[in-house]
Protein backbone atom coordinates (compact mmCIF):
# COMPACT_ATOMS: atom_id res chain seq x y z
CA UNK A 1 5.91 -29.02 19.46
CA UNK A 2 2.51 -28.25 20.89
CA UNK A 3 -0.53 -29.64 19.17
CA UNK A 4 -2.30 -26.33 19.04
CA UNK A 5 -1.50 -22.67 19.56
CA UNK A 6 -3.80 -19.87 20.53
CA UNK A 7 -5.29 -18.08 17.57
CA UNK A 8 -3.99 -14.79 18.99
CA UNK A 9 -0.60 -13.85 17.60
CA UNK A 10 1.36 -13.68 20.85
CA UNK A 11 4.60 -15.06 19.43
CA UNK A 12 6.78 -13.36 16.88
CA UNK A 13 5.90 -14.35 13.32
CA UNK A 14 8.80 -14.79 10.90
CA UNK A 15 8.82 -15.78 7.26
CA UNK A 16 12.10 -17.30 6.10
CA UNK A 17 12.88 -17.60 2.40
CA UNK A 18 15.56 -20.17 1.61
CA UNK A 19 17.33 -19.67 -1.70
CA UNK A 20 17.56 -22.65 -4.01
CA UNK A 21 21.38 -22.54 -4.07
CA UNK A 22 21.53 -23.22 -0.33
CA UNK A 23 19.41 -26.34 -0.80
CA UNK A 24 21.85 -28.08 -3.15
CA UNK A 25 24.63 -28.44 -0.55
CA UNK A 26 23.78 -31.09 2.03
CA UNK A 27 25.84 -29.59 4.87
CA UNK A 28 24.40 -26.10 4.32
CA UNK A 29 20.86 -27.47 4.02
CA UNK A 30 21.24 -29.44 7.24
CA UNK A 31 22.70 -26.43 9.05
CA UNK A 32 19.81 -24.20 8.02
CA UNK A 33 17.26 -26.82 9.04
CA UNK A 34 18.97 -27.34 12.41
CA UNK A 35 18.95 -23.59 13.07
CA UNK A 36 15.28 -23.27 12.16
CA UNK A 37 14.44 -26.18 14.44
CA UNK A 38 16.22 -24.42 17.30
CA UNK A 39 14.35 -21.20 16.55
CA UNK A 40 11.08 -23.14 16.83
CA UNK A 41 11.90 -23.71 20.50
CA UNK A 42 11.97 -19.92 21.10
CA UNK A 43 8.21 -19.34 20.80
CA UNK A 44 8.50 -18.11 17.23
CA UNK A 45 5.92 -18.73 14.51
CA UNK A 46 7.89 -19.64 11.40
CA UNK A 47 6.85 -19.99 7.78
CA UNK A 48 9.27 -21.35 5.18
CA UNK A 49 9.28 -20.40 1.49
CA UNK A 50 11.83 -22.08 -0.78
CA UNK A 51 13.18 -21.72 -4.26
CA UNK A 52 14.72 -24.43 -6.40
CA UNK A 53 16.17 -23.13 -9.65
CA UNK A 54 19.02 -25.63 -9.67
CA UNK A 55 16.63 -28.53 -9.05
CA UNK A 56 14.45 -27.29 -11.92
CA UNK A 57 17.46 -27.13 -14.25
CA UNK A 58 18.58 -30.61 -13.24
CA UNK A 59 15.15 -32.10 -13.92
CA UNK A 60 14.75 -30.28 -17.25
CA UNK A 61 18.21 -31.38 -18.34
CA UNK A 62 17.35 -34.99 -17.50
CA UNK A 63 14.39 -34.91 -19.90
CA UNK A 64 16.21 -32.99 -22.62
CA UNK A 65 14.50 -29.61 -22.23
CA UNK A 66 16.78 -26.61 -22.73
CA UNK A 67 15.77 -23.53 -20.80
CA UNK A 68 15.54 -20.15 -22.47
CA UNK A 69 15.87 -17.10 -20.25
CA UNK A 70 14.31 -13.74 -21.05
CA UNK A 71 15.15 -10.86 -18.73
CA UNK A 72 16.29 -13.31 -16.06
CA UNK A 73 13.07 -15.37 -16.20
CA UNK A 74 12.85 -18.94 -17.49
CA UNK A 75 10.46 -19.10 -20.45
CA UNK A 76 7.98 -21.76 -19.38
CA UNK A 77 5.73 -23.55 -21.86
CA UNK A 78 2.98 -26.05 -21.02
CA UNK A 79 5.41 -28.99 -20.92
CA UNK A 80 7.99 -27.13 -18.84
CA UNK A 81 5.57 -25.93 -16.16
CA UNK A 82 4.76 -29.55 -15.34
CA UNK A 83 8.42 -30.28 -14.63
CA UNK A 84 8.82 -27.00 -12.74
CA UNK A 85 5.94 -27.98 -10.47
CA UNK A 86 7.43 -31.47 -10.03
CA UNK A 87 10.82 -30.03 -9.04
CA UNK A 88 9.50 -27.38 -6.65
CA UNK A 89 6.30 -28.76 -5.14
CA UNK A 90 7.38 -32.38 -5.05
CA UNK A 91 11.13 -32.88 -4.91
CA UNK A 92 12.34 -29.79 -3.03
CA UNK A 93 9.23 -29.22 -0.93
CA UNK A 94 8.72 -32.78 0.26
CA UNK A 95 12.42 -33.23 0.97
CA UNK A 96 12.31 -30.26 3.34
CA UNK A 97 9.09 -31.48 4.93
CA UNK A 98 10.60 -34.92 5.57
CA UNK A 99 13.71 -33.42 7.15
CA UNK A 100 11.72 -31.24 9.55
CA UNK A 101 9.43 -34.14 10.42
CA UNK A 102 12.44 -36.34 11.21
CA UNK A 103 13.55 -33.73 13.73
CA UNK A 104 10.19 -33.83 15.49
CA UNK A 105 8.59 -30.70 14.03
CA UNK A 106 5.28 -31.37 12.33
CA UNK A 107 5.66 -29.88 8.89
CA UNK A 108 3.16 -29.47 6.06
CA UNK A 109 4.27 -28.80 2.49
CA UNK A 110 1.96 -26.76 0.30
CA UNK A 111 2.23 -24.59 -2.78
CA UNK A 112 0.52 -21.35 -3.63
CA UNK A 113 -2.11 -23.46 -5.41
CA UNK A 114 -3.30 -25.17 -2.23
CA UNK A 115 -6.34 -23.46 -0.79
CA UNK A 116 -5.91 -20.87 -3.56
CA UNK A 117 -3.38 -19.29 -1.22
CA UNK A 118 -1.61 -17.30 -3.94
CA UNK A 119 -3.32 -16.12 -7.11
CA UNK A 120 -0.93 -15.17 -9.90
CA UNK A 121 -1.39 -13.20 -13.08
CA UNK A 122 0.54 -13.93 -16.26
CA UNK A 123 3.82 -12.03 -16.41
CA UNK A 124 5.22 -10.51 -19.57
CA UNK A 125 8.72 -9.13 -19.91
CA UNK A 126 9.76 -5.99 -21.74
CA UNK A 127 13.04 -6.50 -23.57
CA UNK A 128 14.38 -3.77 -25.85
CA UNK A 129 10.92 -2.14 -25.95
CA UNK A 130 9.31 -5.42 -26.99
CA UNK A 131 6.88 -7.43 -24.88
CA UNK A 132 8.12 -11.03 -24.63
CA UNK A 133 5.76 -13.87 -23.73
CA UNK A 134 7.23 -15.88 -20.84
CA UNK A 135 4.56 -18.55 -20.90
CA UNK A 136 3.51 -19.82 -17.47
CA UNK A 137 5.53 -17.34 -15.41
CA UNK A 138 3.44 -15.30 -13.02
CA UNK A 139 3.36 -12.31 -10.71
CA UNK A 140 1.59 -12.38 -7.36
CA UNK A 141 -1.78 -10.65 -7.51
CA UNK A 142 -3.38 -11.79 -4.26
CA UNK A 143 -2.43 -13.79 -1.17
CA UNK A 144 -5.03 -15.44 1.07
CA UNK A 145 -3.27 -16.31 4.36
CA UNK A 146 -6.15 -18.42 5.72
CA UNK A 147 -4.65 -21.88 5.12
CA UNK A 148 -1.21 -20.90 6.41
CA UNK A 149 -2.78 -19.35 9.51
CA UNK A 150 -4.76 -22.53 10.19
CA UNK A 151 -1.54 -24.54 10.03
CA UNK A 152 0.30 -22.15 12.36
CA UNK A 153 -2.54 -22.08 14.87
CA UNK A 154 -2.54 -25.86 15.02
CA UNK A 155 1.18 -26.24 15.63
CA UNK A 156 2.37 -27.05 12.11
CA UNK A 157 5.38 -25.66 10.27
CA UNK A 158 4.23 -24.52 6.80
CA UNK A 159 6.73 -25.06 3.97
CA UNK A 160 5.69 -23.30 0.77
CA UNK A 161 6.58 -23.84 -2.87
CA UNK A 162 6.07 -20.72 -5.06
CA UNK A 163 4.04 -22.56 -7.70
CA UNK A 164 0.74 -20.66 -7.76
CA UNK A 165 -2.83 -20.74 -9.00
CA UNK A 166 -3.52 -18.57 -12.02
CA UNK A 167 -6.60 -16.40 -12.08
CA UNK A 168 -7.17 -17.96 -15.51
CA UNK A 169 -7.06 -21.48 -14.00
CA UNK A 170 -3.53 -22.24 -15.18
CA UNK A 171 -0.49 -23.08 -13.05
CA UNK A 172 2.20 -20.40 -12.78
CA UNK A 173 5.74 -20.37 -11.48
CA UNK A 174 6.31 -17.22 -9.42
CA UNK A 175 9.73 -15.88 -8.45
CA UNK A 176 10.29 -17.34 -4.97
CA UNK A 177 11.66 -14.08 -3.54
CA UNK A 178 8.61 -12.08 -4.59
CA UNK A 179 6.26 -14.91 -3.55
CA UNK A 180 7.89 -14.77 -0.11
CA UNK A 181 7.73 -10.99 0.21
CA UNK A 182 4.03 -10.85 -0.67
CA UNK A 183 3.22 -13.78 1.62
CA UNK A 184 5.10 -12.21 4.54
CA UNK A 185 3.00 -9.08 4.12
CA UNK A 186 -0.29 -10.96 3.88
CA UNK A 187 0.57 -12.83 7.10
CA UNK A 188 1.40 -9.62 8.99
CA UNK A 189 4.82 -11.09 9.71
CA UNK A 190 7.08 -9.25 12.12
CA UNK A 191 10.15 -10.14 10.11
CA UNK A 192 11.07 -11.32 6.62
CA UNK A 193 14.42 -13.13 6.35
CA UNK A 194 15.96 -13.93 2.97
CA UNK A 195 18.68 -16.57 3.27
CA UNK A 196 21.13 -16.39 0.38
CA UNK A 197 24.79 -17.11 -0.36
CA UNK A 198 26.17 -13.60 0.23
CA UNK A 199 26.71 -11.74 3.50
CA UNK A 200 24.24 -9.01 2.58
CA UNK A 201 24.14 -5.93 0.39
CA UNK A 202 27.67 -4.82 -0.46
CA UNK A 203 28.54 -1.24 -1.36
CA UNK A 204 31.40 -2.71 -3.40
CA UNK A 205 30.88 -6.27 -4.70
CA UNK A 206 34.65 -6.80 -4.72
CA UNK A 207 35.01 -5.81 -1.06
CA UNK A 208 33.36 -8.22 1.41
CA UNK A 209 33.94 -5.68 4.18
CA UNK A 210 31.73 -3.08 2.47
CA UNK A 211 28.48 -4.63 3.69
CA UNK A 212 25.64 -2.20 4.38
CA UNK A 213 24.18 -3.41 7.66
CA UNK A 214 21.26 -1.00 8.06
CA UNK A 215 19.26 1.15 5.68
CA UNK A 216 15.75 2.46 5.18
CA UNK A 217 13.50 1.40 2.35
CA UNK A 218 13.93 4.86 0.80
CA UNK A 219 17.71 4.52 0.95
CA UNK A 220 17.45 1.11 -0.68
CA UNK A 221 15.35 2.45 -3.54
CA UNK A 222 18.04 5.02 -4.31
CA UNK A 223 20.67 2.29 -4.77
CA UNK A 224 19.08 0.48 -7.72
CA UNK A 225 21.32 0.40 -10.77
CA UNK A 226 24.46 0.98 -8.72
CA UNK A 227 24.84 -1.01 -5.50
CA UNK A 228 21.70 -3.07 -6.16
CA UNK A 229 22.19 -4.99 -9.37
CA UNK A 230 21.97 -8.49 -10.86
CA UNK A 231 20.81 -11.25 -8.55
CA UNK A 232 20.38 -8.85 -5.65
CA UNK A 233 17.52 -7.04 -7.41
CA UNK A 234 14.75 -9.63 -6.75
CA UNK A 235 15.89 -10.02 -3.14
CA UNK A 236 15.70 -6.28 -2.46
CA UNK A 237 12.43 -6.10 -4.42
CA UNK A 238 11.02 -8.80 -2.14
CA UNK A 239 12.26 -7.03 1.00
CA UNK A 240 10.71 -3.72 -0.08
CA UNK A 241 7.45 -5.44 -1.04
CA UNK A 242 7.19 -7.04 2.40
CA UNK A 243 7.87 -3.68 4.10
CA UNK A 244 5.31 -1.89 1.92
CA UNK A 245 2.77 -4.51 3.03
CA UNK A 246 3.44 -3.91 6.72
CA UNK A 247 6.31 -6.20 7.72
CA UNK A 248 8.47 -4.45 10.33
CA UNK A 249 11.91 -5.46 9.06
CA UNK A 250 13.44 -7.38 6.17
CA UNK A 251 16.85 -8.99 6.49
CA UNK A 252 19.24 -10.57 4.01
CA UNK A 253 21.73 -13.01 5.53
CA UNK A 254 24.26 -15.57 4.35
CA UNK A 255 23.06 -19.12 4.96
CA UNK A 256 26.36 -20.72 3.97
CA UNK A 257 28.40 -19.52 6.94
CA UNK A 258 27.13 -21.90 9.59
CA UNK A 259 25.17 -20.12 12.32
CA UNK A 260 24.07 -16.72 10.99
CA UNK A 261 20.37 -17.40 11.53
CA UNK A 262 20.82 -18.30 15.19
CA UNK A 263 23.25 -15.42 15.73
CA UNK A 264 20.51 -12.98 14.81
CA UNK A 265 18.37 -14.13 17.71
CA UNK A 266 20.89 -15.30 20.30
CA UNK A 267 23.63 -12.66 20.16
CA UNK A 268 24.04 -8.94 19.75
CA UNK A 269 26.11 -9.45 16.61
CA UNK A 270 25.23 -7.41 13.55
CA UNK A 271 24.32 -9.92 10.86
CA UNK A 272 23.57 -9.28 7.19
CA UNK A 273 21.62 -6.32 5.83
CA UNK A 274 18.50 -5.09 7.60
CA UNK A 275 16.01 -2.85 5.78
CA UNK A 276 13.27 -1.03 7.66
CA UNK A 277 10.44 1.25 6.62
């Protein structure tokens, strides 16, 4: 990897969000890392954002903290946010950094807190017409891409944890999908790729052959509550956020099937679900 790149964005810039589930299986994790390393040889600027919900649960379980979920979000008190930050910004983040470094790609692990890259505001959740306090769970309010850009321009691979700096000075855990979508937009990325454990958006969840390969952002918005439901909601939300902020295309692919990431760039195969403005 070159020591320094030109500050002009001549290469294609891609933000890849790796879902936490993919990071718990060693063979899948290694496959994704190998594919990203190969993509780095294709004159692509890559930024990694990761989740880590399973790692968070494992750590909380080990210290006897039971998680309470409200509207799909983990209620996070002052004690819990410390363990969340430990799981995401230390365990998951530094493990990925070490693996990329071992393969010869200079990697730097940061969180949204570093360089005040991502400022978050406190999130509240409406449940049955009642506002529920989620504690230290945040929504992205502002992204400053300066630190990430410095890393890219100097030949480093940025790996980001979604733990962010609160405008009130507190630490907030931000949904990794939304963190990634906002960051892709702030970086003027050409492409946002969400790696998950499904082949893409299915018209019928019981029919793996019903995948929707291409749709516009307007088409996607019309599918909420029917085709887009459950765990797919934050992924589509993140895709649409990135597109609204100027990213050219957002793609959801299955990271558990071996070579889907490389197939996107090295073949003419139709992979996953692509959403465009």
